[in-house]
Amino acid sequence: MKKKHKTELRIVKRKGHTELYDEKKVYDSCYFACRNAHLSGKEAEEISNKVCVSITKWIKKRKVVSSNDIFNALIQELKKHNEDAAFLYETHRDIS
C-alpha cells in the first residue's frame, strides 16, 4: 500500500459498537479476496490500492458509515476490477 489516508470517521459495526475507520482493513480484505481469486501478488496490490483509494474518498463524504455500507461499496468497487474477487469477497461472510 503506497500511502495511508487518515480520517477520524467512526464506523458503526454490525453489533452496534463503533471504531475508527482503518484503511488497512479495507486494503487487506480486498487483497485477500484478490489472492483467493488466484490473482498474482502484483495484480492484487494494484487492485487493492485502487479500491482502497476509492473507498476512502467515498467514506470522507459521509457523516455516518456502517461496516455494512463499506462492505457493499467495496463489492461494487471491486467488481469494476475483477468479478471473481468481488464474488469471493461478497460471499466470504456466508462461510465465516
PDB file of N, CA and C in Angstrom:
ATOM      1  N   MET A   1       0.845  -1.163   0.000  1.00  0.00           N
ATOM      2  CA  MET A   1       0.000   0.000   0.000  1.00  0.00           C
ATOM      3  C   MET A   1       0.891   1.226   0.000  1.00  0.00           C
ATOM      4  N   LYS A   2       0.641   2.150  -0.884  1.00  0.00           N
ATOM      5  CA  LYS A   2       1.534   3.293  -1.065  1.00  0.00           C
ATOM      6  C   LYS A   2       1.486   4.275   0.091  1.00  0.00           C
ATOM      7  N   LYS A   3       0.333   4.842   0.371  1.00  0.00           N
ATOM      8  CA  LYS A   3       0.248   5.767   1.496  1.00  0.00           C
ATOM      9  C   LYS A   3      -1.078   5.591   2.194  1.00  0.00           C
ATOM     10  N   LYS A   4      -1.088   5.926   3.451  1.00  0.00           N
ATOM     11  CA  LYS A   4      -2.276   5.725   4.263  1.00  0.00           C
ATOM     12  C   LYS A   4      -2.988   7.051   4.477  1.00  0.00           C
ATOM     13  N   HIS A   5      -4.267   7.063   4.186  1.00  0.00           N
ATOM     14  CA  HIS A   5      -5.086   8.253   4.410  1.00  0.00           C
ATOM     15  C   HIS A   5      -5.725   8.120   5.786  1.00  0.00           C
ATOM     16  N   LYS A   6      -5.504   9.079   6.629  1.00  0.00           N
ATOM     17  CA  LYS A   6      -6.079   9.046   7.964  1.00  0.00           C
ATOM     18  C   LYS A   6      -7.344   9.889   8.012  1.00  0.00           C
ATOM     19  N   THR A   7      -8.338   9.367   8.651  1.00  0.00           N
ATOM     20  CA  THR A   7      -9.551  10.113   8.906  1.00  0.00           C
ATOM     21  C   THR A   7     -10.052   9.693  10.280  1.00  0.00           C
ATOM     22  N   GLU A   8     -10.764  10.551  10.928  1.00  0.00           N
ATOM     23  CA  GLU A   8     -11.267  10.268  12.265  1.00  0.00           C
ATOM     24  C   GLU A   8     -12.704   9.735  12.240  1.00  0.00           C
ATOM     25  N   LEU A   9     -13.162   9.339  11.105  1.00  0.00           N
ATOM     26  CA  LEU A   9     -14.516   8.831  10.989  1.00  0.00           C
ATOM     27  C   LEU A   9     -14.689   7.546  11.783  1.00  0.00           C
ATOM     28  N   ARG A  10     -15.777   7.461  12.492  1.00  0.00           N
ATOM     29  CA  ARG A  10     -16.087   6.259  13.254  1.00  0.00           C
ATOM     30  C   ARG A  10     -17.060   5.408  12.431  1.00  0.00           C
ATOM     31  N   ILE A  11     -16.786   4.129  12.418  1.00  0.00           N
ATOM     32  CA  ILE A  11     -17.582   3.170  11.678  1.00  0.00           C
ATOM     33  C   ILE A  11     -18.499   2.438  12.649  1.00  0.00           C
ATOM     34  N   VAL A  12     -19.772   2.322  12.306  1.00  0.00           N
ATOM     35  CA  VAL A  12     -20.718   1.576  13.121  1.00  0.00           C
ATOM     36  C   VAL A  12     -20.627   0.114  12.696  1.00  0.00           C
ATOM     37  N   LYS A  13     -20.235  -0.729  13.624  1.00  0.00           N
ATOM     38  CA  LYS A  13     -20.040  -2.148  13.347  1.00  0.00           C
ATOM     39  C   LYS A  13     -21.367  -2.907  13.448  1.00  0.00           C
ATOM     40  N   ARG A  14     -21.378  -4.161  12.992  1.00  0.00           N
ATOM     41  CA  ARG A  14     -22.605  -4.963  12.961  1.00  0.00           C
ATOM     42  C   ARG A  14     -23.243  -5.134  14.331  1.00  0.00           C
ATOM     43  N   LYS A  15     -22.455  -5.210  15.379  1.00  0.00           N
ATOM     44  CA  LYS A  15     -23.006  -5.407  16.727  1.00  0.00           C
ATOM     45  C   LYS A  15     -23.353  -4.098  17.422  1.00  0.00           C
ATOM     46  N   GLY A  16     -23.210  -2.961  16.698  1.00  0.00           N
ATOM     47  CA  GLY A  16     -23.627  -1.674  17.225  1.00  0.00           C
ATOM     48  C   GLY A  16     -22.533  -0.804  17.807  1.00  0.00           C
ATOM     49  N   HIS A  17     -21.366  -1.358  18.111  1.00  0.00           N
ATOM     50  CA  HIS A  17     -20.276  -0.542  18.634  1.00  0.00           C
ATOM     51  C   HIS A  17     -19.617   0.214  17.478  1.00  0.00           C
ATOM     52  N   THR A  18     -18.773   1.168  17.825  1.00  0.00           N
ATOM     53  CA  THR A  18     -18.092   1.940  16.787  1.00  0.00           C
ATOM     54  C   THR A  18     -16.580   1.783  16.932  1.00  0.00           C
ATOM     55  N   GLU A  19     -15.892   2.010  15.827  1.00  0.00           N
ATOM     56  CA  GLU A  19     -14.434   2.041  15.846  1.00  0.00           C
ATOM     57  C   GLU A  19     -13.976   2.994  14.761  1.00  0.00           C
ATOM     58  N   LEU A  20     -12.743   3.441  14.856  1.00  0.00           N
ATOM     59  CA  LEU A  20     -12.192   4.349  13.854  1.00  0.00           C
ATOM     60  C   LEU A  20     -12.033   3.630  12.520  1.00  0.00           C
ATOM     61  N   TYR A  21     -12.262   4.363  11.444  1.00  0.00           N
ATOM     62  CA  TYR A  21     -12.051   3.814  10.113  1.00  0.00           C
ATOM     63  C   TYR A  21     -10.582   3.455   9.948  1.00  0.00           C
ATOM     64  N   ASP A  22     -10.332   2.264   9.454  1.00  0.00           N
ATOM     65  CA  ASP A  22      -8.969   1.790   9.249  1.00  0.00           C
ATOM     66  C   ASP A  22      -8.823   1.362   7.788  1.00  0.00           C
ATOM     67  N   GLU A  23      -8.160   2.206   7.010  1.00  0.00           N
ATOM     68  CA  GLU A  23      -7.967   1.942   5.592  1.00  0.00           C
ATOM     69  C   GLU A  23      -7.243   0.613   5.355  1.00  0.00           C
ATOM     70  N   LYS A  24      -6.382   0.237   6.273  1.00  0.00           N
ATOM     71  CA  LYS A  24      -5.628  -1.005   6.135  1.00  0.00           C
ATOM     72  C   LYS A  24      -6.571  -2.213   6.111  1.00  0.00           C
ATOM     73  N   LYS A  25      -7.657  -2.165   6.865  1.00  0.00           N
ATOM     74  CA  LYS A  25      -8.612  -3.274   6.857  1.00  0.00           C
ATOM     75  C   LYS A  25      -9.276  -3.403   5.487  1.00  0.00           C
ATOM     76  N   VAL A  26      -9.582  -2.286   4.864  1.00  0.00           N
ATOM     77  CA  VAL A  26     -10.166  -2.298   3.522  1.00  0.00           C
ATOM     78  C   VAL A  26      -9.170  -2.913   2.543  1.00  0.00           C
ATOM     79  N   TYR A  27      -7.943  -2.442   2.605  1.00  0.00           N
ATOM     80  CA  TYR A  27      -6.890  -2.948   1.721  1.00  0.00           C
ATOM     81  C   TYR A  27      -6.696  -4.451   1.924  1.00  0.00           C
ATOM     82  N   ASP A  28      -6.549  -4.863   3.171  1.00  0.00           N
ATOM     83  CA  ASP A  28      -6.274  -6.268   3.468  1.00  0.00           C
ATOM     84  C   ASP A  28      -7.394  -7.192   3.009  1.00  0.00           C
ATOM     85  N   SER A  29      -8.635  -6.800   3.240  1.00  0.00           N
ATOM     86  CA  SER A  29      -9.747  -7.666   2.827  1.00  0.00           C
ATOM     87  C   SER A  29      -9.850  -7.746   1.305  1.00  0.00           C
ATOM     88  N   CYS A  30      -9.577  -6.650   0.633  1.00  0.00           N
ATOM     89  CA  CYS A  30      -9.579  -6.639  -0.823  1.00  0.00           C
ATOM     90  C   CYS A  30      -8.434  -7.500  -1.359  1.00  0.00           C
ATOM     91  N   TYR A  31      -7.267  -7.347  -0.783  1.00  0.00           N
ATOM     92  CA  TYR A  31      -6.093  -8.111  -1.200  1.00  0.00           C
ATOM     93  C   TYR A  31      -6.340  -9.611  -1.022  1.00  0.00           C
ATOM     94  N   PHE A  32      -6.903  -9.985   0.101  1.00  0.00           N
ATOM     95  CA  PHE A  32      -7.199 -11.384   0.401  1.00  0.00           C
ATOM     96  C   PHE A  32      -8.168 -11.969  -0.635  1.00  0.00           C
ATOM     97  N   ALA A  33      -9.209 -11.216  -0.980  1.00  0.00           N
ATOM     98  CA  ALA A  33     -10.165 -11.676  -1.990  1.00  0.00           C
ATOM     99  C   ALA A  33      -9.493 -11.839  -3.350  1.00  0.00           C
ATOM    100  N   CYS A  34      -8.635 -10.900  -3.699  1.00  0.00           N
ATOM    101  CA  CYS A  34      -7.921 -10.978  -4.983  1.00  0.00           C
ATOM    102  C   CYS A  34      -7.006 -12.194  -5.040  1.00  0.00           C
ATOM    103  N   ARG A  35      -6.295 -12.438  -3.971  1.00  0.00           N
ATOM    104  CA  ARG A  35      -5.396 -13.594  -3.944  1.00  0.00           C
ATOM    105  C   ARG A  35      -6.187 -14.897  -3.982  1.00  0.00           C
ATOM    106  N   ASN A  36      -7.338 -14.933  -3.314  1.00  0.00           N
ATOM    107  CA  ASN A  36      -8.195 -16.121  -3.367  1.00  0.00           C
ATOM    108  C   ASN A  36      -8.772 -16.337  -4.754  1.00  0.00           C
ATOM    109  N   ALA A  37      -8.848 -15.271  -5.543  1.00  0.00           N
ATOM    110  CA  ALA A  37      -9.311 -15.374  -6.930  1.00  0.00           C
ATOM    111  C   ALA A  37      -8.137 -15.713  -7.855  1.00  0.00           C
ATOM    112  N   HIS A  38      -7.018 -16.088  -7.263  1.00  0.00           N
ATOM    113  CA  HIS A  38      -5.825 -16.532  -7.990  1.00  0.00           C
ATOM    114  C   HIS A  38      -5.138 -15.432  -8.795  1.00  0.00           C
ATOM    115  N   LEU A  39      -5.280 -14.180  -8.342  1.00  0.00           N
ATOM    116  CA  LEU A  39      -4.531 -13.095  -8.968  1.00  0.00           C
ATOM    117  C   LEU A  39      -3.129 -13.083  -8.381  1.00  0.00           C
ATOM    118  N   SER A  40      -2.181 -12.606  -9.151  1.00  0.00           N
ATOM    119  CA  SER A  40      -0.805 -12.512  -8.653  1.00  0.00           C
ATOM    120  C   SER A  40      -0.742 -11.469  -7.534  1.00  0.00           C
ATOM    121  N   GLY A  41       0.333 -11.525  -6.777  1.00  0.00           N
ATOM    122  CA  GLY A  41       0.515 -10.535  -5.715  1.00  0.00           C
ATOM    123  C   GLY A  41       0.519  -9.126  -6.259  1.00  0.00           C
ATOM    124  N   LYS A  42       1.162  -8.931  -7.407  1.00  0.00           N
ATOM    125  CA  LYS A  42       1.224  -7.603  -8.021  1.00  0.00           C
ATOM    126  C   LYS A  42      -0.165  -7.133  -8.443  1.00  0.00           C
ATOM    127  N   GLU A  43      -0.930  -8.017  -9.099  1.00  0.00           N
ATOM    128  CA  GLU A  43      -2.295  -7.657  -9.514  1.00  0.00           C
ATOM    129  C   GLU A  43      -3.156  -7.336  -8.299  1.00  0.00           C
ATOM    130  N   ALA A  44      -3.033  -8.151  -7.262  1.00  0.00           N
ATOM    131  CA  ALA A  44      -3.818  -7.938  -6.039  1.00  0.00           C
ATOM    132  C   ALA A  44      -3.461  -6.603  -5.395  1.00  0.00           C
ATOM    133  N   GLU A  45      -2.189  -6.266  -5.371  1.00  0.00           N
ATOM    134  CA  GLU A  45      -1.760  -4.982  -4.808  1.00  0.00           C
ATOM    135  C   GLU A  45      -2.315  -3.813  -5.599  1.00  0.00           C
ATOM    136  N   GLU A  46      -2.217  -3.898  -6.924  1.00  0.00           N
ATOM    137  CA  GLU A  46      -2.708  -2.805  -7.773  1.00  0.00           C
ATOM    138  C   GLU A  46      -4.207  -2.588  -7.589  1.00  0.00           C
ATOM    139  N   ILE A  47      -4.964  -3.676  -7.611  1.00  0.00           N
ATOM    140  CA  ILE A  47      -6.417  -3.559  -7.438  1.00  0.00           C
ATOM    141  C   ILE A  47      -6.739  -3.062  -6.038  1.00  0.00           C
ATOM    142  N   SER A  48      -6.097  -3.609  -5.034  1.00  0.00           N
ATOM    143  CA  SER A  48      -6.373  -3.219  -3.649  1.00  0.00           C
ATOM    144  C   SER A  48      -6.068  -1.744  -3.413  1.00  0.00           C
ATOM    145  N   ASN A  49      -4.985  -1.247  -3.999  1.00  0.00           N
ATOM    146  CA  ASN A  49      -4.668   0.180  -3.876  1.00  0.00           C
ATOM    147  C   ASN A  49      -5.760   1.037  -4.498  1.00  0.00           C
ATOM    148  N   LYS A  50      -6.201   0.688  -5.696  1.00  0.00           N
ATOM    149  CA  LYS A  50      -7.248   1.458  -6.379  1.00  0.00           C
ATOM    150  C   LYS A  50      -8.549   1.430  -5.595  1.00  0.00           C
ATOM    151  N   VAL A  51      -8.937   0.251  -5.137  1.00  0.00           N
ATOM    152  CA  VAL A  51     -10.180   0.109  -4.385  1.00  0.00           C
ATOM    153  C   VAL A  51     -10.092   0.886  -3.078  1.00  0.00           C
ATOM    154  N   CYS A  52      -8.972   0.787  -2.407  1.00  0.00           N
ATOM    155  CA  CYS A  52      -8.785   1.460  -1.122  1.00  0.00           C
ATOM    156  C   CYS A  52      -8.880   2.976  -1.259  1.00  0.00           C
ATOM    157  N   VAL A  53      -8.243   3.526  -2.269  1.00  0.00           N
ATOM    158  CA  VAL A  53      -8.314   4.978  -2.503  1.00  0.00           C
ATOM    159  C   VAL A  53      -9.759   5.392  -2.765  1.00  0.00           C
ATOM    160  N   SER A  54     -10.445   4.635  -3.581  1.00  0.00           N
ATOM    161  CA  SER A  54     -11.830   4.951  -3.921  1.00  0.00           C
ATOM    162  C   SER A  54     -12.746   4.874  -2.696  1.00  0.00           C
ATOM    163  N   ILE A  55     -12.609   3.824  -1.901  1.00  0.00           N
ATOM    164  CA  ILE A  55     -13.454   3.657  -0.708  1.00  0.00           C
ATOM    165  C   ILE A  55     -13.164   4.763   0.304  1.00  0.00           C
ATOM    166  N   THR A  56     -11.906   5.096   0.504  1.00  0.00           N
ATOM    167  CA  THR A  56     -11.550   6.155   1.455  1.00  0.00           C
ATOM    168  C   THR A  56     -12.126   7.490   1.005  1.00  0.00           C
ATOM    169  N   LYS A  57     -12.053   7.781  -0.281  1.00  0.00           N
ATOM    170  CA  LYS A  57     -12.627   9.016  -0.818  1.00  0.00           C
ATOM    171  C   LYS A  57     -14.147   9.024  -0.604  1.00  0.00           C
ATOM    172  N   TRP A  58     -14.779   7.890  -0.859  1.00  0.00           N
ATOM    173  CA  TRP A  58     -16.229   7.748  -0.685  1.00  0.00           C
ATOM    174  C   TRP A  58     -16.621   7.962   0.779  1.00  0.00           C
ATOM    175  N   ILE A  59     -15.852   7.380   1.692  1.00  0.00           N
ATOM    176  CA  ILE A  59     -16.148   7.480   3.121  1.00  0.00           C
ATOM    177  C   ILE A  59     -16.031   8.915   3.626  1.00  0.00           C
ATOM    178  N   LYS A  60     -15.053   9.640   3.134  1.00  0.00           N
ATOM    179  CA  LYS A  60     -14.832  11.007   3.605  1.00  0.00           C
ATOM    180  C   LYS A  60     -15.992  11.938   3.278  1.00  0.00           C
ATOM    181  N   LYS A  61     -16.871  11.531   2.372  1.00  0.00           N
ATOM    182  CA  LYS A  61     -18.027  12.351   2.004  1.00  0.00           C
ATOM    183  C   LYS A  61     -19.241  12.066   2.889  1.00  0.00           C
ATOM    184  N   ARG A  62     -19.117  11.155   3.817  1.00  0.00           N
ATOM    185  CA  ARG A  62     -20.246  10.752   4.650  1.00  0.00           C
ATOM    186  C   ARG A  62     -20.046  11.127   6.116  1.00  0.00           C
ATOM    187  N   LYS A  63     -21.174  11.284   6.804  1.00  0.00           N
ATOM    188  CA  LYS A  63     -21.112  11.595   8.220  1.00  0.00           C
ATOM    189  C   LYS A  63     -21.162  10.333   9.066  1.00  0.00           C
ATOM    190  N   VAL A  64     -21.960   9.370   8.637  1.00  0.00           N
ATOM    191  CA  VAL A  64     -22.094   8.104   9.346  1.00  0.00           C
ATOM    192  C   VAL A  64     -21.963   6.984   8.328  1.00  0.00           C
ATOM    193  N   VAL A  65     -21.146   5.995   8.660  1.00  0.00           N
ATOM    194  CA  VAL A  65     -20.955   4.861   7.774  1.00  0.00           C
ATOM    195  C   VAL A  65     -20.969   3.593   8.614  1.00  0.00           C
ATOM    196  N   SER A  66     -21.695   2.603   8.151  1.00  0.00           N
ATOM    197  CA  SER A  66     -21.690   1.320   8.839  1.00  0.00           C
ATOM    198  C   SER A  66     -20.702   0.397   8.147  1.00  0.00           C
ATOM    199  N   SER A  67     -20.294  -0.628   8.845  1.00  0.00           N
ATOM    200  CA  SER A  67     -19.393  -1.606   8.230  1.00  0.00           C
ATOM    201  C   SER A  67     -20.093  -2.279   7.053  1.00  0.00           C
ATOM    202  N   ASN A  68     -21.409  -2.405   7.121  1.00  0.00           N
ATOM    203  CA  ASN A  68     -22.169  -2.985   6.010  1.00  0.00           C
ATOM    204  C   ASN A  68     -22.144  -2.060   4.787  1.00  0.00           C
ATOM    205  N   ASP A  69     -22.199  -0.745   5.009  1.00  0.00           N
ATOM    206  CA  ASP A  69     -22.078   0.211   3.901  1.00  0.00           C
ATOM    207  C   ASP A  69     -20.722   0.048   3.205  1.00  0.00           C
ATOM    208  N   ILE A  70     -19.672  -0.092   4.003  1.00  0.00           N
ATOM    209  CA  ILE A  70     -18.338  -0.277   3.445  1.00  0.00           C
ATOM    210  C   ILE A  70     -18.271  -1.601   2.688  1.00  0.00           C
ATOM    211  N   PHE A  71     -18.829  -2.633   3.265  1.00  0.00           N
ATOM    212  CA  PHE A  71     -18.864  -3.952   2.638  1.00  0.00           C
ATOM    213  C   PHE A  71     -19.490  -3.867   1.244  1.00  0.00           C
ATOM    214  N   ASN A  72     -20.655  -3.237   1.152  1.00  0.00           N
ATOM    215  CA  ASN A  72     -21.357  -3.130  -0.130  1.00  0.00           C
ATOM    216  C   ASN A  72     -20.614  -2.230  -1.123  1.00  0.00           C
ATOM    217  N   ALA A  73     -20.058  -1.139  -0.640  1.00  0.00           N
ATOM    218  CA  ALA A  73     -19.299  -0.247  -1.525  1.00  0.00           C
ATOM    219  C   ALA A  73     -18.054  -0.942  -2.049  1.00  0.00           C
ATOM    220  N   LEU A  74     -17.415  -1.720  -1.192  1.00  0.00           N
ATOM    221  CA  LEU A  74     -16.216  -2.429  -1.619  1.00  0.00           C
ATOM    222  C   LEU A  74     -16.553  -3.468  -2.688  1.00  0.00           C
ATOM    223  N   ILE A  75     -17.654  -4.147  -2.538  1.00  0.00           N
ATOM    224  CA  ILE A  75     -18.082  -5.114  -3.560  1.00  0.00           C
ATOM    225  C   ILE A  75     -18.263  -4.416  -4.898  1.00  0.00           C
ATOM    226  N   GLN A  76     -18.967  -3.301  -4.903  1.00  0.00           N
ATOM    227  CA  GLN A  76     -19.215  -2.578  -6.151  1.00  0.00           C
ATOM    228  C   GLN A  76     -17.913  -2.083  -6.781  1.00  0.00           C
ATOM    229  N   GLU A  77     -17.013  -1.597  -5.973  1.00  0.00           N
ATOM    230  CA  GLU A  77     -15.739  -1.095  -6.489  1.00  0.00           C
ATOM    231  C   GLU A  77     -14.872  -2.242  -6.998  1.00  0.00           C
ATOM    232  N   LEU A  78     -14.859  -3.328  -6.271  1.00  0.00           N
ATOM    233  CA  LEU A  78     -14.054  -4.484  -6.661  1.00  0.00           C
ATOM    234  C   LEU A  78     -14.565  -5.108  -7.962  1.00  0.00           C
ATOM    235  N   LYS A  79     -15.887  -5.067  -8.167  1.00  0.00           N
ATOM    236  CA  LYS A  79     -16.473  -5.597  -9.404  1.00  0.00           C
ATOM    237  C   LYS A  79     -15.933  -4.875 -10.638  1.00  0.00           C
ATOM    238  N   LYS A  80     -15.558  -3.625 -10.489  1.00  0.00           N
ATOM    239  CA  LYS A  80     -15.015  -2.848 -11.603  1.00  0.00           C
ATOM    240  C   LYS A  80     -13.664  -3.400 -12.055  1.00  0.00           C
ATOM    241  N   HIS A  81     -12.988  -4.104 -11.152  1.00  0.00           N
ATOM    242  CA  HIS A  81     -11.637  -4.576 -11.424  1.00  0.00           C
ATOM    243  C   HIS A  81     -11.548  -6.085 -11.630  1.00  0.00           C
ATOM    244  N   ASN A  82     -12.363  -6.844 -10.884  1.00  0.00           N
ATOM    245  CA  ASN A  82     -12.308  -8.293 -11.014  1.00  0.00           C
ATOM    246  C   ASN A  82     -13.577  -8.912 -10.427  1.00  0.00           C
ATOM    247  N   GLU A  83     -14.396  -9.484 -11.293  1.00  0.00           N
ATOM    248  CA  GLU A  83     -15.672 -10.077 -10.872  1.00  0.00           C
ATOM    249  C   GLU A  83     -15.482 -11.251  -9.909  1.00  0.00           C
ATOM    250  N   ASP A  84     -14.487 -12.087 -10.166  1.00  0.00           N
ATOM    251  CA  ASP A  84     -14.260 -13.252  -9.297  1.00  0.00           C
ATOM    252  C   ASP A  84     -13.879 -12.831  -7.888  1.00  0.00           C
ATOM    253  N   ALA A  85     -12.991 -11.864  -7.769  1.00  0.00           N
ATOM    254  CA  ALA A  85     -12.577 -11.375  -6.453  1.00  0.00           C
ATOM    255  C   ALA A  85     -13.763 -10.746  -5.733  1.00  0.00           C
ATOM    256  N   ALA A  86     -14.590 -10.008  -6.467  1.00  0.00           N
ATOM    257  CA  ALA A  86     -15.776  -9.389  -5.866  1.00  0.00           C
ATOM    258  C   ALA A  86     -16.732 -10.456  -5.339  1.00  0.00           C
ATOM    259  N   PHE A  87     -16.915 -11.524  -6.111  1.00  0.00           N
ATOM    260  CA  PHE A  87     -17.785 -12.621  -5.681  1.00  0.00           C
ATOM    261  C   PHE A  87     -17.239 -13.272  -4.414  1.00  0.00           C
ATOM    262  N   LEU A  88     -15.949 -13.536  -4.389  1.00  0.00           N
ATOM    263  CA  LEU A  88     -15.341 -14.159  -3.209  1.00  0.00           C
ATOM    264  C   LEU A  88     -15.449 -13.259  -1.985  1.00  0.00           C
ATOM    265  N   TYR A  89     -15.245 -11.971  -2.184  1.00  0.00           N
ATOM    266  CA  TYR A  89     -15.382 -11.031  -1.067  1.00  0.00           C
ATOM    267  C   TYR A  89     -16.823 -11.005  -0.564  1.00  0.00           C
ATOM    268  N   GLU A  90     -17.750 -10.954  -1.498  1.00  0.00           N
ATOM    269  CA  GLU A  90     -19.173 -10.864  -1.136  1.00  0.00           C
ATOM    270  C   GLU A  90     -19.654 -12.098  -0.391  1.00  0.00           C
ATOM    271  N   THR A  91     -19.170 -13.252  -0.756  1.00  0.00           N
ATOM    272  CA  THR A  91     -19.680 -14.491  -0.162  1.00  0.00           C
ATOM    273  C   THR A  91     -18.871 -14.966   1.038  1.00  0.00           C
ATOM    274  N   HIS A  92     -17.776 -14.294   1.363  1.00  0.00           N
ATOM    275  CA  HIS A  92     -16.960 -14.782   2.483  1.00  0.00           C
ATOM    276  C   HIS A  92     -17.704 -14.732   3.818  1.00  0.00           C
ATOM    277  N   ARG A  93     -18.662 -13.844   3.968  1.00  0.00           N
ATOM    278  CA  ARG A  93     -19.437 -13.769   5.210  1.00  0.00           C
ATOM    279  C   ARG A  93     -20.325 -14.999   5.384  1.00  0.00           C
ATOM    280  N   ASP A  94     -20.744 -15.568   4.265  1.00  0.00           N
ATOM    281  CA  ASP A  94     -21.626 -16.723   4.313  1.00  0.00           C
ATOM    282  C   ASP A  94     -20.958 -17.952   4.915  1.00  0.00           C
ATOM    283  N   ILE A  95     -19.637 -18.022   4.788  1.00  0.00           N
ATOM    284  CA  ILE A  95     -18.941 -19.209   5.286  1.00  0.00           C
ATOM    285  C   ILE A  95     -18.080 -18.934   6.512  1.00  0.00           C
ATOM    286  N   SER A  96     -18.013 -17.673   6.920  1.00  0.00           N
ATOM    287  CA  SER A  96     -17.185 -17.388   8.101  1.00  0.00           C
ATOM    288  C   SER A  96     -18.034 -17.207   9.341  1.00  0.00           C
TER     289      SER A  96
END
